[in-house]
Amino acid sequence: MGSNRRGGALNQFIVIEGLDATGKSTLVEKLCSDLSADLLSCPPIITSKQIDLRSHFDNCDAVQRRAFYRFANLLASEQAKEALQFNDVIMDRYWTSTAAFSAMDDGFEHDVPFGEYPPEIMPPHILILLIVNEENRLLRMSGRGEAETAEEAKLAQDSEKRQQVLANYKTFDPYIIDTSNLSPGQVLAAALKIIRGE
């Protein structure tokens, strides 16, 4: 990855994936604190005076919505390249989500096969997927209110689609942490073992 070195060690681009109620946001925050890493999200915040771009494209048809997220991945990739010159980077979602969630669009297919990254973006060094069993997911969701996005709200009601999205994630060969019966501290410890190659 070139010159992204700190103290002789290669800085790492770490992507954390997971559906609603898996503990993804908590892990991302704890990892950034523990590793003194830069936090980036995908899509990155893109502002417009007229509209909230993410909300706007989330309500567009599949072709427009996926085109927006593919472009957002390019921006996120460039941000990560810059940040890696100085620190590890923890990214909250990436191309893996863009690809996986295309299962929500009947008949829509990317020109990039599942399990591969578009040539214009940088693959992560480490990809961690958090999963949770249905019993714990429902328990966690009951305390959270609605899912974070319209797509996740649909997934919460459609277990078949949910399983397809998870299957799509797994084509990228992620490290998987089942958070069902783990505390946030235990999830962090499991992720740090992966990152440190222990």
N, C-alpha and C. Protein backbone atom coordinates (compact mmCIF):
# COMPACT_ATOMS: atom_id res chain seq x y z
N MET A 1 0.81 -1.20 0.00
CA MET A 1 0.00 0.00 0.00
C MET A 1 0.85 1.26 0.00
N GLY A 2 2.14 1.12 -0.27
CA GLY A 2 2.97 2.31 -0.42
C GLY A 2 3.52 2.82 0.90
N SER A 3 3.36 4.15 1.14
CA SER A 3 4.08 4.81 2.24
C SER A 3 3.25 4.95 3.51
N ASN A 4 2.17 4.20 3.63
CA ASN A 4 1.32 4.38 4.81
C ASN A 4 1.92 3.61 6.00
N ARG A 5 3.08 4.11 6.46
CA ARG A 5 3.77 3.45 7.57
C ARG A 5 3.83 4.36 8.79
N ARG A 6 3.73 3.75 9.96
CA ARG A 6 3.83 4.48 11.21
C ARG A 6 4.69 3.67 12.16
N GLY A 7 5.86 4.22 12.49
CA GLY A 7 6.75 3.50 13.40
C GLY A 7 7.19 2.16 12.86
N GLY A 8 7.35 2.05 11.53
CA GLY A 8 7.80 0.82 10.91
C GLY A 8 6.68 -0.18 10.63
N ALA A 9 5.47 0.08 11.13
CA ALA A 9 4.36 -0.85 10.91
C ALA A 9 3.43 -0.30 9.84
N LEU A 10 2.91 -1.19 9.04
CA LEU A 10 1.98 -0.79 7.99
C LEU A 10 0.64 -0.44 8.61
N ASN A 11 0.13 0.74 8.32
CA ASN A 11 -1.21 1.11 8.79
C ASN A 11 -2.24 0.26 8.07
N GLN A 12 -3.31 -0.05 8.77
CA GLN A 12 -4.30 -0.98 8.25
C GLN A 12 -5.63 -0.30 7.95
N PHE A 13 -6.23 -0.73 6.85
CA PHE A 13 -7.57 -0.29 6.45
C PHE A 13 -8.52 -1.39 6.87
N ILE A 14 -9.31 -1.11 7.91
CA ILE A 14 -10.17 -2.11 8.53
C ILE A 14 -11.62 -1.72 8.32
N VAL A 15 -12.39 -2.60 7.71
CA VAL A 15 -13.81 -2.35 7.46
C VAL A 15 -14.64 -3.21 8.40
N ILE A 16 -15.60 -2.59 9.06
CA ILE A 16 -16.53 -3.29 9.95
C ILE A 16 -17.90 -3.29 9.30
N GLU A 17 -18.44 -4.49 9.12
CA GLU A 17 -19.76 -4.65 8.50
C GLU A 17 -20.70 -5.34 9.48
N GLY A 18 -21.97 -5.20 9.24
CA GLY A 18 -22.97 -5.86 10.06
C GLY A 18 -24.32 -5.21 9.87
N LEU A 19 -25.35 -6.01 9.97
CA LEU A 19 -26.70 -5.48 9.85
C LEU A 19 -27.10 -4.82 11.17
N ASP A 20 -28.32 -4.33 11.22
CA ASP A 20 -28.83 -3.68 12.42
C ASP A 20 -28.73 -4.61 13.63
N ALA A 21 -28.43 -4.02 14.78
CA ALA A 21 -28.44 -4.70 16.07
C ALA A 21 -27.34 -5.75 16.24
N THR A 22 -26.28 -5.66 15.44
CA THR A 22 -25.16 -6.59 15.62
C THR A 22 -24.09 -6.02 16.54
N GLY A 23 -24.14 -4.73 16.82
CA GLY A 23 -23.12 -4.09 17.65
C GLY A 23 -22.05 -3.39 16.84
N LYS A 24 -22.34 -3.16 15.57
CA LYS A 24 -21.35 -2.56 14.66
C LYS A 24 -20.91 -1.16 15.11
N SER A 25 -21.86 -0.29 15.38
CA SER A 25 -21.51 1.08 15.75
C SER A 25 -20.70 1.13 17.04
N THR A 26 -21.07 0.30 18.01
CA THR A 26 -20.33 0.25 19.27
C THR A 26 -18.90 -0.22 19.04
N LEU A 27 -18.74 -1.28 18.22
CA LEU A 27 -17.40 -1.79 17.95
C LEU A 27 -16.55 -0.76 17.21
N VAL A 28 -17.13 -0.10 16.23
CA VAL A 28 -16.38 0.91 15.48
C VAL A 28 -15.84 1.99 16.41
N GLU A 29 -16.67 2.47 17.31
CA GLU A 29 -16.24 3.51 18.26
C GLU A 29 -15.14 3.02 19.17
N LYS A 30 -15.29 1.79 19.70
CA LYS A 30 -14.30 1.25 20.63
C LYS A 30 -12.98 0.97 19.93
N LEU A 31 -13.03 0.47 18.68
CA LEU A 31 -11.79 0.20 17.94
C LEU A 31 -11.03 1.49 17.66
N CYS A 32 -11.76 2.52 17.26
CA CYS A 32 -11.11 3.79 16.96
C CYS A 32 -10.41 4.33 18.20
N SER A 33 -11.06 4.20 19.35
CA SER A 33 -10.46 4.67 20.58
C SER A 33 -9.26 3.82 20.97
N ASP A 34 -9.41 2.50 20.90
CA ASP A 34 -8.34 1.60 21.33
C ASP A 34 -7.12 1.68 20.44
N LEU A 35 -7.34 1.84 19.13
CA LEU A 35 -6.23 1.86 18.16
C LEU A 35 -5.78 3.26 17.80
N SER A 36 -6.44 4.27 18.34
CA SER A 36 -6.19 5.67 17.94
C SER A 36 -6.27 5.79 16.41
N ALA A 37 -7.28 5.15 15.85
CA ALA A 37 -7.45 5.11 14.41
C ALA A 37 -8.40 6.21 13.94
N ASP A 38 -8.33 6.51 12.65
CA ASP A 38 -9.26 7.46 12.06
C ASP A 38 -10.55 6.73 11.70
N LEU A 39 -11.67 7.35 12.01
CA LEU A 39 -12.98 6.78 11.69
C LEU A 39 -13.50 7.42 10.41
N LEU A 40 -13.85 6.58 9.45
CA LEU A 40 -14.49 7.03 8.22
C LEU A 40 -15.76 6.22 8.03
N SER A 41 -16.74 6.82 7.38
CA SER A 41 -17.97 6.10 7.10
C SER A 41 -18.21 6.07 5.60
N CYS A 42 -18.97 5.09 5.17
CA CYS A 42 -19.33 4.97 3.76
C CYS A 42 -20.84 4.75 3.68
N PRO A 43 -21.58 5.64 3.01
CA PRO A 43 -21.05 6.76 2.25
C PRO A 43 -20.54 7.86 3.18
N PRO A 44 -19.48 8.57 2.71
CA PRO A 44 -19.04 9.73 3.48
C PRO A 44 -20.13 10.80 3.47
N ILE A 45 -20.05 11.73 4.38
CA ILE A 45 -21.06 12.80 4.42
C ILE A 45 -20.87 13.70 3.21
N ILE A 46 -21.88 13.77 2.39
CA ILE A 46 -21.86 14.60 1.19
C ILE A 46 -23.01 15.59 1.33
N THR A 47 -22.69 16.85 1.41
CA THR A 47 -23.73 17.84 1.67
C THR A 47 -24.12 18.60 0.40
N SER A 48 -25.33 19.05 0.40
CA SER A 48 -25.87 19.88 -0.67
C SER A 48 -26.78 20.91 -0.01
N LYS A 49 -26.81 22.11 -0.53
CA LYS A 49 -27.68 23.14 0.05
C LYS A 49 -29.15 22.79 -0.14
N GLN A 50 -29.42 22.02 -1.17
CA GLN A 50 -30.81 21.73 -1.49
C GLN A 50 -31.35 20.46 -0.82
N ILE A 51 -30.55 19.39 -0.80
CA ILE A 51 -31.09 18.10 -0.36
C ILE A 51 -30.07 17.32 0.48
N ASP A 52 -30.58 16.41 1.29
CA ASP A 52 -29.77 15.41 1.96
C ASP A 52 -29.57 14.30 0.93
N LEU A 53 -28.35 14.22 0.37
CA LEU A 53 -28.12 13.34 -0.77
C LEU A 53 -28.37 11.87 -0.46
N ARG A 54 -27.95 11.42 0.71
CA ARG A 54 -28.16 10.01 1.02
C ARG A 54 -29.65 9.68 1.10
N SER A 55 -30.39 10.51 1.82
CA SER A 55 -31.84 10.27 1.92
C SER A 55 -32.50 10.35 0.54
N HIS A 56 -32.05 11.31 -0.26
CA HIS A 56 -32.62 11.46 -1.60
C HIS A 56 -32.42 10.20 -2.42
N PHE A 57 -31.18 9.71 -2.49
CA PHE A 57 -30.90 8.54 -3.34
C PHE A 57 -31.45 7.25 -2.76
N ASP A 58 -31.62 7.19 -1.44
CA ASP A 58 -32.25 6.01 -0.85
C ASP A 58 -33.68 5.85 -1.34
N ASN A 59 -34.30 6.95 -1.77
CA ASN A 59 -35.68 6.90 -2.26
C ASN A 59 -35.78 6.87 -3.78
N CYS A 60 -34.63 6.77 -4.46
CA CYS A 60 -34.63 6.68 -5.92
C CYS A 60 -34.73 5.21 -6.35
N ASP A 61 -34.82 5.00 -7.67
CA ASP A 61 -34.88 3.61 -8.14
C ASP A 61 -33.52 2.94 -7.96
N ALA A 62 -33.49 1.61 -8.15
CA ALA A 62 -32.30 0.82 -7.84
C ALA A 62 -31.07 1.29 -8.61
N VAL A 63 -31.21 1.61 -9.88
CA VAL A 63 -30.05 2.00 -10.69
C VAL A 63 -29.43 3.28 -10.15
N GLN A 64 -30.26 4.28 -9.86
CA GLN A 64 -29.74 5.54 -9.31
C GLN A 64 -29.16 5.36 -7.92
N ARG A 65 -29.87 4.58 -7.09
CA ARG A 65 -29.41 4.37 -5.71
C ARG A 65 -28.06 3.67 -5.69
N ARG A 66 -27.89 2.62 -6.47
CA ARG A 66 -26.63 1.88 -6.48
C ARG A 66 -25.51 2.69 -7.13
N ALA A 67 -25.85 3.53 -8.11
CA ALA A 67 -24.83 4.40 -8.72
C ALA A 67 -24.29 5.39 -7.69
N PHE A 68 -25.20 5.94 -6.88
CA PHE A 68 -24.77 6.86 -5.82
C PHE A 68 -23.84 6.17 -4.85
N TYR A 69 -24.21 4.97 -4.41
CA TYR A 69 -23.38 4.27 -3.43
C TYR A 69 -22.04 3.83 -4.04
N ARG A 70 -22.03 3.50 -5.33
CA ARG A 70 -20.74 3.15 -5.94
C ARG A 70 -19.82 4.37 -5.97
N PHE A 71 -20.38 5.53 -6.33
CA PHE A 71 -19.59 6.76 -6.32
C PHE A 71 -19.13 7.08 -4.90
N ALA A 72 -20.00 6.89 -3.92
CA ALA A 72 -19.66 7.15 -2.53
C ALA A 72 -18.50 6.26 -2.08
N ASN A 73 -18.46 5.02 -2.58
CA ASN A 73 -17.35 4.13 -2.26
C ASN A 73 -16.03 4.65 -2.82
N LEU A 74 -16.07 5.25 -3.99
CA LEU A 74 -14.85 5.84 -4.56
C LEU A 74 -14.35 6.97 -3.68
N LEU A 75 -15.27 7.84 -3.24
CA LEU A 75 -14.88 8.92 -2.34
C LEU A 75 -14.31 8.38 -1.03
N ALA A 76 -14.97 7.38 -0.47
CA ALA A 76 -14.51 6.79 0.79
C ALA A 76 -13.13 6.15 0.62
N SER A 77 -12.91 5.50 -0.51
CA SER A 77 -11.61 4.88 -0.79
C SER A 77 -10.50 5.92 -0.84
N GLU A 78 -10.77 7.05 -1.50
CA GLU A 78 -9.76 8.11 -1.59
C GLU A 78 -9.49 8.72 -0.22
N GLN A 79 -10.54 8.88 0.59
CA GLN A 79 -10.35 9.38 1.95
C GLN A 79 -9.47 8.42 2.76
N ALA A 80 -9.73 7.12 2.61
CA ALA A 80 -8.96 6.12 3.34
C ALA A 80 -7.49 6.14 2.93
N LYS A 81 -7.22 6.28 1.63
CA LYS A 81 -5.83 6.33 1.15
C LYS A 81 -5.07 7.48 1.80
N GLU A 82 -5.72 8.62 1.88
CA GLU A 82 -5.07 9.79 2.49
C GLU A 82 -4.83 9.55 3.99
N ALA A 83 -5.84 9.07 4.68
CA ALA A 83 -5.73 8.88 6.13
C ALA A 83 -4.71 7.81 6.49
N LEU A 84 -4.54 6.80 5.63
CA LEU A 84 -3.61 5.70 5.92
C LEU A 84 -2.16 6.14 5.95
N GLN A 85 -1.87 7.30 5.42
CA GLN A 85 -0.51 7.80 5.49
C GLN A 85 -0.10 8.11 6.93
N PHE A 86 -1.09 8.27 7.81
CA PHE A 86 -0.80 8.71 9.17
C PHE A 86 -1.30 7.76 10.25
N ASN A 87 -2.40 7.06 9.99
CA ASN A 87 -3.05 6.22 11.01
C ASN A 87 -3.70 5.00 10.40
N ASP A 88 -4.06 4.06 11.28
CA ASP A 88 -4.99 3.02 10.88
C ASP A 88 -6.32 3.69 10.56
N VAL A 89 -7.10 3.05 9.72
CA VAL A 89 -8.43 3.57 9.37
C VAL A 89 -9.47 2.51 9.68
N ILE A 90 -10.48 2.89 10.44
CA ILE A 90 -11.65 2.05 10.67
C ILE A 90 -12.78 2.63 9.85
N MET A 91 -13.36 1.82 8.95
CA MET A 91 -14.46 2.31 8.13
C MET A 91 -15.75 1.58 8.49
N ASP A 92 -16.77 2.36 8.74
CA ASP A 92 -18.10 1.86 9.04
C ASP A 92 -18.83 1.64 7.72
N ARG A 93 -18.82 0.39 7.28
CA ARG A 93 -19.39 -0.04 5.99
C ARG A 93 -18.56 0.42 4.80
N TYR A 94 -18.73 -0.35 3.68
CA TYR A 94 -17.92 -0.08 2.49
C TYR A 94 -18.61 -0.77 1.32
N TRP A 95 -17.84 -1.06 0.27
CA TRP A 95 -18.40 -1.71 -0.92
C TRP A 95 -19.13 -2.99 -0.57
N THR A 96 -18.67 -3.69 0.44
CA THR A 96 -19.31 -4.94 0.84
C THR A 96 -20.79 -4.74 1.14
N SER A 97 -21.14 -3.62 1.76
CA SER A 97 -22.55 -3.31 2.01
C SER A 97 -23.28 -2.94 0.72
N THR A 98 -22.62 -2.13 -0.11
CA THR A 98 -23.23 -1.74 -1.38
C THR A 98 -23.59 -2.97 -2.19
N ALA A 99 -22.67 -3.92 -2.25
CA ALA A 99 -22.93 -5.16 -3.00
C ALA A 99 -23.98 -6.02 -2.31
N ALA A 100 -23.81 -6.21 -1.01
CA ALA A 100 -24.71 -7.10 -0.28
C ALA A 100 -26.15 -6.64 -0.33
N PHE A 101 -26.37 -5.32 -0.20
CA PHE A 101 -27.73 -4.81 -0.16
C PHE A 101 -28.40 -4.79 -1.53
N SER A 102 -27.64 -5.06 -2.60
CA SER A 102 -28.29 -5.14 -3.92
C SER A 102 -29.27 -6.30 -3.97
N ALA A 103 -29.18 -7.21 -2.99
CA ALA A 103 -30.16 -8.30 -2.90
C ALA A 103 -31.56 -7.76 -2.65
N MET A 104 -31.65 -6.51 -2.19
CA MET A 104 -32.96 -5.90 -1.94
C MET A 104 -33.63 -5.46 -3.23
N ASP A 105 -32.86 -5.38 -4.31
CA ASP A 105 -33.39 -4.89 -5.59
C ASP A 105 -33.57 -6.05 -6.55
N ASP A 106 -34.79 -6.53 -6.68
CA ASP A 106 -35.06 -7.66 -7.55
C ASP A 106 -34.64 -7.35 -8.98
N GLY A 107 -33.80 -8.22 -9.53
CA GLY A 107 -33.39 -8.07 -10.92
C GLY A 107 -32.20 -7.16 -11.14
N PHE A 108 -31.72 -6.48 -10.06
CA PHE A 108 -30.58 -5.57 -10.23
C PHE A 108 -29.28 -6.33 -9.98
N GLU A 109 -28.30 -6.12 -10.85
CA GLU A 109 -26.99 -6.73 -10.67
C GLU A 109 -25.91 -5.71 -10.95
N HIS A 110 -24.87 -5.69 -10.11
CA HIS A 110 -23.68 -4.88 -10.39
C HIS A 110 -22.86 -5.56 -11.47
N ASP A 111 -21.99 -4.79 -12.13
CA ASP A 111 -21.09 -5.39 -13.10
C ASP A 111 -19.86 -5.99 -12.43
N VAL A 112 -19.79 -5.90 -11.12
CA VAL A 112 -18.69 -6.49 -10.36
C VAL A 112 -19.23 -7.72 -9.64
N PRO A 113 -18.61 -8.88 -9.82
CA PRO A 113 -19.11 -10.10 -9.15
C PRO A 113 -19.05 -9.98 -7.63
N PHE A 114 -19.96 -10.67 -6.96
CA PHE A 114 -19.91 -10.72 -5.50
C PHE A 114 -18.56 -11.29 -5.08
N GLY A 115 -18.03 -10.73 -4.00
CA GLY A 115 -16.74 -11.19 -3.51
C GLY A 115 -15.57 -10.42 -4.09
N GLU A 116 -15.84 -9.51 -5.01
CA GLU A 116 -14.78 -8.70 -5.62
C GLU A 116 -15.07 -7.21 -5.41
N TYR A 117 -14.01 -6.41 -5.50
CA TYR A 117 -14.14 -4.96 -5.36
C TYR A 117 -13.98 -4.30 -6.72
N PRO A 118 -14.69 -3.20 -6.97
CA PRO A 118 -14.50 -2.49 -8.24
C PRO A 118 -13.04 -2.06 -8.38
N PRO A 119 -12.52 -2.02 -9.59
CA PRO A 119 -11.10 -1.70 -9.77
C PRO A 119 -10.72 -0.30 -9.33
N GLU A 120 -11.70 0.60 -9.22
CA GLU A 120 -11.37 1.99 -8.87
C GLU A 120 -11.24 2.21 -7.36
N ILE A 121 -11.54 1.21 -6.54
CA ILE A 121 -11.45 1.41 -5.10
C ILE A 121 -10.44 0.47 -4.47
N MET A 122 -9.96 0.85 -3.30
CA MET A 122 -8.97 0.08 -2.57
C MET A 122 -9.66 -0.97 -1.69
N PRO A 123 -9.29 -2.24 -1.82
CA PRO A 123 -9.84 -3.25 -0.92
C PRO A 123 -9.32 -3.05 0.50
N PRO A 124 -10.07 -3.44 1.50
CA PRO A 124 -9.57 -3.33 2.87
C PRO A 124 -8.51 -4.38 3.15
N HIS A 125 -7.67 -4.10 4.14
CA HIS A 125 -6.72 -5.11 4.61
C HIS A 125 -7.45 -6.17 5.44
N ILE A 126 -8.43 -5.71 6.23
CA ILE A 126 -9.18 -6.61 7.11
C ILE A 126 -10.66 -6.26 7.00
N LEU A 127 -11.47 -7.30 6.82
CA LEU A 127 -12.93 -7.14 6.76
C LEU A 127 -13.54 -7.99 7.87
N ILE A 128 -14.27 -7.34 8.77
CA ILE A 128 -14.92 -8.04 9.88
C ILE A 128 -16.43 -7.88 9.73
N LEU A 129 -17.12 -9.01 9.76
CA LEU A 129 -18.58 -9.02 9.67
C LEU A 129 -19.15 -9.47 11.01
N LEU A 130 -19.99 -8.63 11.60
CA LEU A 130 -20.67 -8.98 12.84
C LEU A 130 -22.03 -9.58 12.51
N ILE A 131 -22.34 -10.68 13.17
CA ILE A 131 -23.65 -11.30 12.99
C ILE A 131 -24.30 -11.49 14.36
N VAL A 132 -25.59 -11.72 14.36
CA VAL A 132 -26.32 -11.93 15.62
C VAL A 132 -27.48 -12.86 15.34
N ASN A 133 -27.82 -13.72 16.31
CA ASN A 133 -28.96 -14.61 16.09
C ASN A 133 -30.27 -13.84 16.22
N GLU A 134 -31.34 -14.47 15.73
CA GLU A 134 -32.62 -13.77 15.65
C GLU A 134 -33.16 -13.38 17.03
N GLU A 135 -33.00 -14.25 18.00
CA GLU A 135 -33.50 -13.95 19.34
C GLU A 135 -32.86 -12.69 19.91
N ASN A 136 -31.54 -12.60 19.81
CA ASN A 136 -30.84 -11.44 20.32
C ASN A 136 -31.07 -10.20 19.46
N ARG A 137 -31.22 -10.40 18.16
CA ARG A 137 -31.50 -9.26 17.28
C ARG A 137 -32.82 -8.59 17.67
N LEU A 138 -33.85 -9.39 17.87
CA LEU A 138 -35.16 -8.85 18.24
C LEU A 138 -35.10 -8.17 19.61
N LEU A 139 -34.36 -8.77 20.53
CA LEU A 139 -34.22 -8.19 21.86
C LEU A 139 -33.55 -6.83 21.79
N ARG A 140 -32.48 -6.73 20.99
CA ARG A 140 -31.76 -5.47 20.85
C ARG A 140 -32.59 -4.43 20.11
N MET A 141 -33.31 -4.87 19.08
CA MET A 141 -34.11 -3.94 18.28
C MET A 141 -35.25 -3.35 19.11
N SER A 142 -35.77 -4.11 20.06
CA SER A 142 -36.89 -3.62 20.85
C SER A 142 -36.49 -2.40 21.68
N GLY A 143 -35.22 -2.28 21.97
CA GLY A 143 -34.75 -1.13 22.73
C GLY A 143 -34.24 0.00 21.87
N ARG A 144 -34.24 -0.20 20.55
CA ARG A 144 -33.66 0.80 19.66
C ARG A 144 -34.68 1.58 18.86
N GLY A 145 -35.89 1.05 18.73
CA GLY A 145 -36.84 1.69 17.82
C GLY A 145 -36.64 1.16 16.43
N GLU A 146 -36.77 2.02 15.43
CA GLU A 146 -36.68 1.58 14.04
C GLU A 146 -35.24 1.30 13.63
N ALA A 147 -35.10 0.51 12.56
CA ALA A 147 -33.77 0.25 12.01
C ALA A 147 -33.20 1.52 11.43
N GLU A 148 -31.89 1.54 11.18
CA GLU A 148 -31.22 2.77 10.79
C GLU A 148 -31.64 3.28 9.40
N THR A 149 -31.88 2.39 8.47
CA THR A 149 -32.22 2.81 7.11
C THR A 149 -33.51 2.15 6.68
N ALA A 150 -34.09 2.67 5.59
CA ALA A 150 -35.31 2.07 5.05
C ALA A 150 -35.06 0.64 4.63
N GLU A 151 -33.87 0.37 4.06
CA GLU A 151 -33.56 -0.99 3.62
C GLU A 151 -33.47 -1.94 4.82
N GLU A 152 -32.86 -1.48 5.90
CA GLU A 152 -32.76 -2.34 7.08
C GLU A 152 -34.13 -2.55 7.72
N ALA A 153 -34.99 -1.54 7.64
CA ALA A 153 -36.35 -1.72 8.15
C ALA A 153 -37.07 -2.82 7.37
N LYS A 154 -36.85 -2.85 6.05
CA LYS A 154 -37.45 -3.92 5.23
C LYS A 154 -36.85 -5.28 5.61
N LEU A 155 -35.54 -5.31 5.81
CA LEU A 155 -34.88 -6.57 6.17
C LEU A 155 -35.38 -7.11 7.50
N ALA A 156 -35.70 -6.20 8.41
CA ALA A 156 -36.18 -6.62 9.72
C ALA A 156 -37.48 -7.42 9.60
N GLN A 157 -38.22 -7.18 8.52
CA GLN A 157 -39.50 -7.86 8.31
C GLN A 157 -39.41 -9.02 7.32
N ASP A 158 -38.24 -9.22 6.70
CA ASP A 158 -38.10 -10.22 5.64
C ASP A 158 -36.86 -11.07 5.89
N SER A 159 -37.04 -12.19 6.60
CA SER A 159 -35.90 -13.01 6.99
C SER A 159 -35.21 -13.64 5.78
N GLU A 160 -35.95 -13.91 4.70
CA GLU A 160 -35.35 -14.50 3.50
C GLU A 160 -34.37 -13.51 2.85
N LYS A 161 -34.80 -12.26 2.72
CA LYS A 161 -33.92 -11.22 2.16
C LYS A 161 -32.72 -11.00 3.08
N ARG A 162 -32.99 -11.04 4.37
CA ARG A 162 -31.92 -10.84 5.34
C ARG A 162 -30.84 -11.90 5.17
N GLN A 163 -31.26 -13.13 5.01
CA GLN A 163 -30.29 -14.22 4.80
C GLN A 163 -29.54 -14.06 3.49
N GLN A 164 -30.21 -13.53 2.46
CA GLN A 164 -29.53 -13.31 1.19
C GLN A 164 -28.47 -12.22 1.31
N VAL A 165 -28.80 -11.15 2.03
CA VAL A 165 -27.82 -10.08 2.25
C VAL A 165 -26.61 -10.64 3.00
N LEU A 166 -26.84 -11.45 4.04
CA LEU A 166 -25.74 -12.05 4.78
C LEU A 166 -24.90 -12.98 3.90
N ALA A 167 -25.57 -13.74 3.04
CA ALA A 167 -24.84 -14.62 2.12
C ALA A 167 -23.97 -13.80 1.18
N ASN A 168 -24.49 -12.65 0.73
CA ASN A 168 -23.70 -11.77 -0.14
C ASN A 168 -22.47 -11.25 0.59
N TYR A 169 -22.65 -10.84 1.84
CA TYR A 169 -21.50 -10.40 2.65
C TYR A 169 -20.42 -11.48 2.69
N LYS A 170 -20.85 -12.70 2.91
CA LYS A 170 -19.89 -13.80 3.13
C LYS A 170 -19.08 -14.14 1.88
N THR A 171 -19.54 -13.72 0.69
CA THR A 171 -18.75 -13.97 -0.51
C THR A 171 -17.43 -13.21 -0.48
N PHE A 172 -17.32 -12.20 0.39
CA PHE A 172 -16.08 -11.42 0.51
C PHE A 172 -15.11 -12.06 1.51
N ASP A 173 -15.46 -13.22 2.02
CA ASP A 173 -14.60 -13.99 2.94
C ASP A 173 -14.17 -13.16 4.15
N PRO A 174 -15.14 -12.59 4.87
CA PRO A 174 -14.78 -11.77 6.04
C PRO A 174 -14.42 -12.63 7.24
N TYR A 175 -13.75 -12.02 8.20
CA TYR A 175 -13.70 -12.61 9.53
C TYR A 175 -15.08 -12.39 10.13
N ILE A 176 -15.64 -13.42 10.76
CA ILE A 176 -16.99 -13.32 11.30
C ILE A 176 -16.94 -13.41 12.82
N ILE A 177 -17.62 -12.46 13.46
CA ILE A 177 -17.78 -12.50 14.92
C ILE A 177 -19.27 -12.58 15.22
N ASP A 178 -19.70 -13.66 15.87
CA ASP A 178 -21.08 -13.80 16.30
C ASP A 178 -21.22 -13.09 17.64
N THR A 179 -21.94 -11.97 17.64
CA THR A 179 -22.05 -11.14 18.84
C THR A 179 -23.23 -11.53 19.73
N SER A 180 -23.94 -12.60 19.37
CA SER A 180 -25.20 -12.93 20.03
C SER A 180 -25.10 -12.96 21.55
N ASN A 181 -24.08 -13.60 22.07
CA ASN A 181 -23.96 -13.76 23.52
C ASN A 181 -22.67 -13.14 24.06
N LEU A 182 -22.18 -12.12 23.37
CA LEU A 182 -20.96 -11.45 23.79
C LEU A 182 -21.25 -10.04 24.28
N SER A 183 -20.51 -9.61 25.27
CA SER A 183 -20.59 -8.23 25.72
C SER A 183 -19.81 -7.36 24.74
N PRO A 184 -20.04 -6.03 24.74
CA PRO A 184 -19.25 -5.16 23.87
C PRO A 184 -17.75 -5.32 24.08
N GLY A 185 -17.33 -5.53 25.32
CA GLY A 185 -15.91 -5.73 25.60
C GLY A 185 -15.38 -7.01 24.97
N GLN A 186 -16.19 -8.06 24.99
CA GLN A 186 -15.77 -9.33 24.38
C GLN A 186 -15.71 -9.22 22.87
N VAL A 187 -16.63 -8.47 22.28
CA VAL A 187 -16.60 -8.26 20.83
C VAL A 187 -15.33 -7.49 20.46
N LEU A 188 -15.02 -6.46 21.24
CA LEU A 188 -13.80 -5.70 21.00
C LEU A 188 -12.57 -6.60 21.09
N ALA A 189 -12.51 -7.43 22.12
CA ALA A 189 -11.35 -8.32 22.28
C ALA A 189 -11.21 -9.26 21.09
N ALA A 190 -12.34 -9.79 20.60
CA ALA A 190 -12.30 -10.70 19.45
C ALA A 190 -11.80 -9.97 18.20
N ALA A 191 -12.26 -8.74 18.00
CA ALA A 191 -11.84 -7.96 16.84
C ALA A 191 -10.35 -7.61 16.92
N LEU A 192 -9.88 -7.26 18.11
CA LEU A 192 -8.47 -6.91 18.26
C LEU A 192 -7.57 -8.12 18.01
N LYS A 193 -8.03 -9.32 18.38
CA LYS A 193 -7.25 -10.52 18.09
C LYS A 193 -7.10 -10.71 16.59
N ILE A 194 -8.17 -10.46 15.86
CA ILE A 194 -8.13 -10.57 14.39
C ILE A 194 -7.17 -9.54 13.82
N ILE A 195 -7.31 -8.30 14.25
CA ILE A 195 -6.50 -7.21 13.71
C ILE A 195 -5.02 -7.41 14.00
N ARG A 196 -4.73 -7.96 15.19
CA ARG A 196 -3.34 -8.16 15.58
C ARG A 196 -2.77 -9.50 15.10
N GLY A 197 -3.61 -10.28 14.43
CA GLY A 197 -3.16 -11.55 13.90
C GLY A 197 -2.85 -12.58 14.95
N GLU A 198 -3.55 -12.52 16.07
CA GLU A 198 -3.28 -13.45 17.18
C GLU A 198 -4.06 -14.74 17.02
